[in-house]
C-alpha cells in the first residue's frame, strides 16, 4: 500500500493549496514580536500574544500519552473539528462521500452534509451491533473516501471486533481511509488501535480529552494518522486552534500529579456502570440492557417517554434514542457519580 495513493484521494485543490502561514508559524522565538499586529502591552491575563498553532509542549505530552510521534498527531478543538477537517480535505462537494455504520455518532453525517458530501450506510448487525463487513464492501464505491467507525460505539457502547476493523484496513488499503473514533476507549478493557498505525497508512484514529479526562469544556481532541495525512489536515485547520487558557488547563490535567486521580475516576465509572447494569436488568420495565465498554448504558425500556418524563420531573436528564433506526424503545444513560447513580435508581423505582 502506498501513502501516495492515499494522498491522491484528497481534494486536488487541498493537495495544491499553499496554506496560510501565521506569525507564530514563522517564528516563536522569545524576543520583540513586531510581526502579528498584536497589542504589545501585557495585560493582567497575559493573553495579548497569539498562541502556537500546534503547541510543542502539548504535542509532546499527547504523543507520549497516545504512543505516537509528533508528526503523527494533530491537536483539534475536540473530535468534532477532527471529523470536519477530514471530510473537508477528502470530500469534494457534490462528488465524494462517506460511509457510516449506524446506529453511530451523529456528527459524521452532519459534517458530511455541511460539506455537500453524500452518505452511504452499512448498519450494524444484531443485538451485539457487529460490523457487517460484507455490506461495507458492497456499499463502497470509488467516490467514498472515508469510512467512519466508532469503537466503543456511541450510542450503543460496544467495542467493534478488531480483526474485522483490520480486515477493512487491509481491503481498503489504497481505496479509502478507515477512521476509528475512540472517544470512549479509556473506559474499555480493549486497547487502542494506535499500535496498528504504522502497519496501515489508511488508518486514522480520533481521540479526545472530553470523556475520561473530564475536559469536555475545553474542547481538545487529536487526530492520529500517517504524517502525510496530518500534513494535509494542517493545511486547512484554523491558524490558532488551541487558545492559551486551554493549553494551560490541559497541560495541568495531564500532569503526573493527576494520573492517579484520572485512573481512580475511570475505575469508579466502570464499577458504577456494572452496578447500574445489575439494577436495570432487574427492573420490571426494562426489556434489555446492552453490553457497554463506554461510560454509558443503552437500555431498551417499555416506554422511553415515561422514563424521560419521570427523570425530568426529578431533575435528571437522560437521552431518548428511540427515534434512531434500530434503537426503538431505547434510552441512553450516562454513568454519573455514585451519589447521582443512587438517586437515579431511587427515581426509577417509580417507573
Protein backbone atom coordinates (compact mmCIF):
# COMPACT_ATOMS: atom_id res chain seq x y z
CA UNK A 1 0.00 0.00 0.00
CA UNK A 2 1.29 3.46 -0.96
CA UNK A 3 0.77 6.62 1.04
CA UNK A 4 0.94 8.44 -2.28
CA UNK A 5 -2.22 6.65 -3.44
CA UNK A 6 -3.99 7.62 -0.25
CA UNK A 7 -2.95 11.27 -0.50
CA UNK A 8 -4.35 11.31 -4.03
CA UNK A 9 -7.76 10.52 -2.54
CA UNK A 10 -7.80 14.06 -1.14
CA UNK A 11 -9.29 17.01 -2.98
CA UNK A 12 -6.85 18.24 -5.60
CA UNK A 13 -7.34 21.86 -4.56
CA UNK A 14 -6.31 20.96 -0.99
CA UNK A 15 -3.29 18.99 -2.21
CA UNK A 16 -2.19 22.06 -4.21
CA UNK A 17 -3.16 24.56 -1.53
CA UNK A 18 -0.48 26.89 -0.19
CA UNK A 19 -1.59 27.18 3.44
CA UNK A 20 -1.76 30.35 5.47
CA UNK A 21 1.43 30.93 7.45
CA UNK A 22 0.73 32.64 10.75
CA UNK A 23 3.24 34.80 12.56
CA UNK A 24 3.88 32.04 15.08
CA UNK A 25 4.47 29.60 12.23
CA UNK A 26 7.36 31.74 11.07
CA UNK A 27 8.98 32.21 14.45
CA UNK A 28 8.10 31.56 18.06
CA UNK A 29 11.44 32.62 19.46
CA UNK A 30 11.44 34.79 22.56
CA UNK A 31 12.16 38.36 21.54
CA UNK A 32 10.48 41.54 20.34
CA UNK A 33 7.42 40.47 18.31
CA UNK A 34 6.50 43.13 15.75
CA UNK A 35 5.03 40.76 13.18
CA UNK A 36 1.42 39.92 14.10
CA UNK A 37 -0.22 43.29 14.87
CA UNK A 38 -0.81 42.25 18.48
CA UNK A 39 -1.23 44.64 21.38
CA UNK A 40 2.33 44.93 22.79
CA UNK A 41 1.18 45.69 26.35
CA UNK A 42 0.96 42.66 28.61
CA UNK A 43 -2.43 42.54 30.28
CA UNK A 44 -3.10 41.06 33.71
CA UNK A 45 -4.24 37.86 31.96
CA UNK A 46 -1.07 37.63 29.87
CA UNK A 47 -3.09 36.73 26.77
CA UNK A 48 -2.01 39.57 24.49
CA UNK A 49 0.00 37.27 22.19
CA UNK A 50 -1.27 34.66 19.74
CA UNK A 51 -0.64 31.06 20.84
CA UNK A 52 1.43 28.48 19.00
CA UNK A 53 -0.57 26.91 16.15
CA UNK A 54 0.28 23.44 17.48
CA UNK A 55 1.83 23.87 20.93
CA UNK A 56 5.02 21.80 21.13
CA UNK A 57 4.58 21.11 24.84
CA UNK A 58 1.13 19.63 24.23
CA UNK A 59 2.21 17.68 21.15
CA UNK A 60 4.92 16.06 23.26
CA UNK A 61 2.53 15.31 26.12
CA UNK A 62 -0.21 13.84 23.90
CA UNK A 63 2.30 11.97 21.77
CA UNK A 64 3.60 10.23 24.88
CA UNK A 65 0.07 9.58 26.13
CA UNK A 66 -1.11 8.01 22.88
CA UNK A 67 2.15 6.36 21.87
CA UNK A 68 2.70 8.22 18.60
CA UNK A 69 5.35 10.55 17.20
CA UNK A 70 4.66 14.27 16.90
CA UNK A 71 4.36 14.17 13.07
CA UNK A 72 1.54 11.61 13.50
CA UNK A 73 -0.51 13.96 15.67
CA UNK A 74 -2.75 16.96 15.11
CA UNK A 75 -4.43 18.76 18.03
CA UNK A 76 -8.00 19.83 17.30
CA UNK A 77 -10.90 21.54 19.06
CA UNK A 78 -12.47 18.27 20.12
CA UNK A 79 -13.12 15.29 17.88
CA UNK A 80 -15.87 17.21 16.09
CA UNK A 81 -13.33 19.50 14.46
CA UNK A 82 -11.25 16.46 13.50
CA UNK A 83 -14.26 14.90 11.76
CA UNK A 84 -14.95 18.15 9.95
CA UNK A 85 -11.32 18.55 8.81
CA UNK A 86 -11.14 15.01 7.42
CA UNK A 87 -14.32 15.45 5.40
CA UNK A 88 -13.27 18.86 4.10
CA UNK A 89 -9.87 17.53 3.00
CA UNK A 90 -11.06 14.34 1.32
CA UNK A 91 -14.60 15.06 0.08
CA UNK A 92 -15.34 17.32 -2.87
CA UNK A 93 -18.82 18.79 -2.53
CA UNK A 94 -21.49 17.07 -4.62
CA UNK A 95 -18.99 14.45 -5.74
CA UNK A 96 -17.47 12.46 -2.86
CA UNK A 97 -18.95 10.79 0.19
CA UNK A 98 -18.50 8.90 3.41
CA UNK A 99 -19.72 5.56 4.72
CA UNK A 100 -21.12 5.14 8.23
CA UNK A 101 -22.32 2.15 10.26
CA UNK A 102 -25.49 3.19 12.10
CA UNK A 103 -26.52 3.44 14.80
CA UNK A 104 -23.50 5.64 15.40
CA UNK A 105 -22.34 9.13 16.33
CA UNK A 106 -24.41 11.74 14.53
CA UNK A 107 -21.70 14.26 13.69
CA UNK A 108 -20.24 12.13 10.89
CA UNK A 109 -23.44 12.67 8.88
CA UNK A 110 -23.86 16.28 9.95
CA UNK A 111 -20.33 17.26 8.91
CA UNK A 112 -20.70 15.40 5.61
CA UNK A 113 -23.98 17.14 4.86
CA UNK A 114 -22.49 20.57 5.58
CA UNK A 115 -19.66 19.79 3.15
CA UNK A 116 -22.10 18.59 0.49
CA UNK A 117 -20.79 15.02 0.68
CA UNK A 118 -23.15 12.09 0.23
CA UNK A 119 -23.63 9.45 2.92
CA UNK A 120 -23.86 5.69 2.49
CA UNK A 121 -24.74 3.31 5.32
CA UNK A 122 -23.98 -0.27 6.30
CA UNK A 123 -25.95 -0.78 9.54
CA UNK A 124 -24.50 -2.74 12.43
CA UNK A 125 -25.98 -6.21 12.91
CA UNK A 126 -27.97 -7.88 15.71
CA UNK A 127 -28.20 -7.02 19.38
CA UNK A 128 -24.40 -7.08 19.55
CA UNK A 129 -24.13 -4.34 16.90
CA UNK A 130 -21.35 -6.09 14.99
CA UNK A 131 -19.80 -4.76 11.78
CA UNK A 132 -21.39 -6.01 8.57
CA UNK A 133 -18.12 -6.26 6.63
CA UNK A 134 -19.78 -7.66 3.51
CA UNK A 135 -22.27 -4.77 3.43
CA UNK A 136 -19.50 -2.19 3.87
CA UNK A 137 -17.61 -3.67 0.92
CA UNK A 138 -20.79 -3.86 -1.16
CA UNK A 139 -21.84 -0.27 -0.37
CA UNK A 140 -18.42 1.20 -1.08
CA UNK A 141 -17.77 2.99 -4.36
CA UNK A 142 -14.64 4.85 -5.55
CA UNK A 143 -16.08 8.23 -4.56
CA UNK A 144 -16.42 7.15 -0.93
CA UNK A 145 -13.23 8.48 0.61
CA UNK A 146 -13.82 7.92 4.35
CA UNK A 147 -15.32 5.04 6.34
CA UNK A 148 -16.22 6.16 9.86
CA UNK A 149 -16.29 3.59 12.67
CA UNK A 150 -16.81 4.27 16.37
CA UNK A 151 -15.33 1.93 19.00
CA UNK A 152 -16.61 1.84 21.69
CA UNK A 153 -19.61 2.82 19.63
CA UNK A 154 -21.85 5.74 20.53
CA UNK A 155 -24.76 5.31 21.29
CA UNK A 156 -24.54 1.52 21.75
CA UNK A 157 -21.39 1.22 23.89
CA UNK A 158 -19.90 -1.91 22.31
CA UNK A 159 -16.37 -2.46 21.04
CA UNK A 160 -16.02 -3.36 17.37
CA UNK A 161 -14.21 -6.57 16.51
CA UNK A 162 -10.53 -5.75 16.00
CA UNK A 163 -9.98 -8.40 13.31
CA UNK A 164 -12.94 -7.04 11.35
CA UNK A 165 -11.59 -3.50 11.55
CA UNK A 166 -8.09 -4.56 10.49
CA UNK A 167 -9.61 -6.58 7.66
CA UNK A 168 -11.27 -3.41 6.40
CA UNK A 169 -7.97 -1.53 6.69
CA UNK A 170 -6.37 -4.22 4.53
CA UNK A 171 -9.16 -4.39 1.96
CA UNK A 172 -9.39 -0.60 1.55
CA UNK A 173 -5.63 -0.04 1.87
CA UNK A 174 -5.46 2.12 -1.28
CA UNK A 175 -9.19 2.88 -1.65
CA UNK A 176 -10.37 4.75 1.45
CA UNK A 177 -9.38 5.94 4.91
CA UNK A 178 -10.69 3.92 7.85
CA UNK A 179 -11.43 6.45 10.60
CA UNK A 180 -11.80 4.96 14.10
CA UNK A 181 -13.39 7.23 16.70
CA UNK A 182 -12.01 6.12 20.08
CA UNK A 183 -13.63 8.79 22.25
CA UNK A 184 -14.54 6.20 24.92
CA UNK A 185 -11.58 3.82 24.68
CA UNK A 186 -10.27 4.62 28.16
CA UNK A 187 -13.38 3.02 29.69
CA UNK A 188 -12.83 -0.22 27.78
CA UNK A 189 -10.76 -3.30 28.53
CA UNK A 190 -9.69 -3.26 24.87
CA UNK A 191 -6.55 -1.46 23.71
CA UNK A 192 -6.43 1.45 21.31
CA UNK A 193 -5.72 0.64 17.67
CA UNK A 194 -2.89 3.18 17.62
CA UNK A 195 -0.50 0.22 17.67
CA UNK A 196 -1.53 -0.51 14.07
CA UNK A 197 -0.94 2.99 12.66
CA UNK A 198 2.49 2.12 11.24
CA UNK A 199 1.09 -1.05 9.66
CA UNK A 200 -1.86 0.63 7.92
CA UNK A 201 -1.26 4.10 6.44
CA UNK A 202 -5.01 4.39 5.74
CA UNK A 203 -5.88 4.04 9.44
CA UNK A 204 -6.88 7.28 11.17
CA UNK A 205 -7.72 7.40 14.88
CA UNK A 206 -9.62 10.11 16.73
CA UNK A 207 -9.03 10.68 20.44
CA UNK A 208 -10.44 13.20 22.88
CA UNK A 209 -9.89 14.52 26.39
CA UNK A 210 -13.62 15.22 26.80
CA UNK A 211 -14.63 11.90 28.33
CA UNK A 212 -12.20 10.03 30.59
CA UNK A 213 -10.09 13.11 31.29
CA UNK A 214 -13.08 15.27 32.24
CA UNK A 215 -12.20 18.16 29.90
CA UNK A 216 -15.31 18.44 27.72
CA UNK A 217 -15.46 22.16 28.43
CA UNK A 218 -12.04 22.98 26.98
CA UNK A 219 -12.57 21.18 23.62
CA UNK A 220 -9.33 19.33 23.00
CA UNK A 221 -9.09 16.35 20.68
CA UNK A 222 -6.50 14.71 18.46
CA UNK A 223 -6.11 13.08 15.07
CA UNK A 224 -3.57 10.26 14.95
CA UNK A 225 -2.52 9.28 11.44
CA UNK A 226 0.30 8.96 8.90
CA UNK A 227 2.42 12.16 8.87
CA UNK A 228 1.41 12.98 5.28
CA UNK A 229 -2.28 12.82 6.19
CA UNK A 230 -1.60 15.04 9.20
CA UNK A 231 0.22 17.47 6.89
CA UNK A 232 -2.90 17.75 4.70
CA UNK A 233 -5.12 18.45 7.71
CA UNK A 234 -2.67 21.10 8.93
CA UNK A 235 -3.19 22.95 5.65
CA UNK A 236 -6.81 23.78 6.42
CA UNK A 237 -7.02 23.95 10.21
CA UNK A 238 -7.53 27.44 11.64
CA UNK A 239 -4.26 29.28 12.41
CA UNK A 240 -4.64 29.26 16.20
CA UNK A 241 -6.94 26.39 17.23
CA UNK A 242 -5.63 25.95 20.80
CA UNK A 243 -6.21 29.06 22.96
CA UNK A 244 -3.60 29.75 25.61
CA UNK A 245 -6.00 29.14 28.56
CA UNK A 246 -6.96 25.77 27.05
CA UNK A 247 -3.30 24.82 26.74
CA UNK A 248 -2.66 25.69 30.37
CA UNK A 249 -5.66 23.71 31.62
CA UNK A 250 -4.84 20.64 29.51
CA UNK A 251 -1.16 20.55 30.49
CA UNK A 252 -2.16 20.75 34.13
CA UNK A 253 -4.74 17.97 33.74
CA UNK A 254 -2.17 15.73 32.04
CA UNK A 255 0.50 16.27 34.68
CA UNK A 256 1.79 13.25 36.59
CA UNK A 257 0.14 14.51 39.76
CA UNK A 258 -3.27 13.88 38.17
CA UNK A 259 -2.56 10.37 36.83
CA UNK A 260 -3.89 8.54 39.86
CA UNK A 261 -6.98 10.74 40.08
CA UNK A 262 -7.90 10.03 36.45
CA UNK A 263 -7.32 6.29 36.87
CA UNK A 264 -9.48 6.31 40.01
CA UNK A 265 -12.31 8.12 38.22
CA UNK A 266 -12.21 5.72 35.26
CA UNK A 267 -12.31 2.73 37.59
CA UNK A 268 -15.16 4.28 39.55
CA UNK A 269 -17.18 4.80 36.38
CA UNK A 270 -16.56 1.18 35.33
CA UNK A 271 -17.73 -0.10 38.72
CA UNK A 272 -20.77 2.18 38.74
CA UNK A 273 -21.63 1.08 35.19
CA UNK A 274 -21.81 -2.56 36.22
CA UNK A 275 -23.79 -1.76 39.38
CA UNK A 276 -26.30 0.23 37.34
CA UNK A 277 -26.47 -2.58 34.77
CA UNK A 278 -27.41 -5.05 37.51
CA UNK A 279 -30.12 -2.71 38.81
CA UNK A 280 -31.57 -2.15 35.34
CA UNK A 281 -31.55 -5.83 34.42
CA UNK A 282 -33.84 -6.45 37.39
CA UNK A 283 -36.16 -3.53 36.62
CA UNK A 284 -39.67 -4.56 35.61
CA UNK A 285 -39.97 -2.12 32.70
CA UNK A 286 -36.53 -2.81 31.22
CA UNK A 287 -36.53 -5.07 28.18
CA UNK A 288 -32.80 -5.28 27.58
CA UNK A 289 -29.52 -3.72 28.75
CA UNK A 290 -26.92 -3.67 26.00
CA UNK A 291 -23.28 -4.56 26.60
CA UNK A 292 -21.13 -1.46 27.08
CA UNK A 293 -17.46 -0.63 27.35
CA UNK A 294 -18.11 3.10 27.47
CA UNK A 295 -19.27 5.46 30.23
CA UNK A 296 -22.94 4.93 29.46
CA UNK A 297 -25.55 2.22 29.07
CA UNK A 298 -28.07 1.80 26.25
CA UNK A 299 -31.31 0.43 27.64
CA UNK A 300 -34.46 -0.82 25.88
CA UNK A 301 -37.50 0.05 28.02
CA UNK A 302 -41.28 -0.28 27.83
CA UNK A 303 -41.87 3.45 27.44
CA UNK A 304 -38.98 5.86 26.72
CA UNK A 305 -41.42 8.76 27.00
CA UNK A 306 -42.37 7.75 30.55
CA UNK A 307 -38.73 7.29 31.56
CA UNK A 308 -37.84 10.71 30.19
CA UNK A 309 -40.74 12.37 31.98
CA UNK A 310 -40.12 10.72 35.35
CA UNK A 311 -36.41 11.58 35.23
CA UNK A 312 -37.09 15.14 34.12
CA UNK A 313 -39.63 15.66 36.92
CA UNK A 314 -36.84 14.76 39.38
CA UNK A 315 -34.22 16.98 37.76
CA UNK A 316 -32.41 14.16 35.96
CA UNK A 317 -31.61 14.29 32.24
CA UNK A 318 -31.15 11.10 30.23
CA UNK A 319 -31.16 10.74 26.43
CA UNK A 320 -34.04 9.36 24.37
CA UNK A 321 -32.54 7.37 21.49
CA UNK A 322 -35.77 5.68 20.38
CA UNK A 323 -36.01 7.78 17.21
CA UNK A 324 -32.81 6.21 15.81
CA UNK A 325 -33.37 3.27 13.43
CA UNK A 326 -32.55 0.03 15.21
CA UNK A 327 -32.92 1.57 18.68
CA UNK A 328 -36.68 1.61 19.14
CA UNK A 329 -37.68 1.99 22.79
CA UNK A 330 -34.10 2.83 23.83
CA UNK A 331 -32.73 5.41 26.21
CA UNK A 332 -29.08 6.14 26.91
CA UNK A 333 -27.93 6.74 30.47
CA UNK A 334 -24.53 8.27 31.24
CA UNK A 335 -22.78 6.93 34.33
CA UNK A 336 -22.68 9.66 36.95
CA UNK A 337 -21.18 9.94 40.41
CA UNK A 338 -22.06 7.20 42.93
CA UNK A 339 -24.45 9.67 44.58
CA UNK A 340 -26.05 10.61 41.26
CA UNK A 341 -26.46 6.97 40.26
CA UNK A 342 -28.06 6.16 43.62
CA UNK A 343 -30.54 9.00 43.14
CA UNK A 344 -31.31 7.77 39.61
CA UNK A 345 -32.08 4.28 40.91
CA UNK A 346 -34.40 5.66 43.58
CA UNK A 347 -36.25 7.69 40.95
CA UNK A 348 -36.52 4.77 38.51
CA UNK A 349 -38.24 2.66 41.15
CA UNK A 350 -41.27 4.87 40.47
CA UNK A 351 -41.42 3.95 36.77
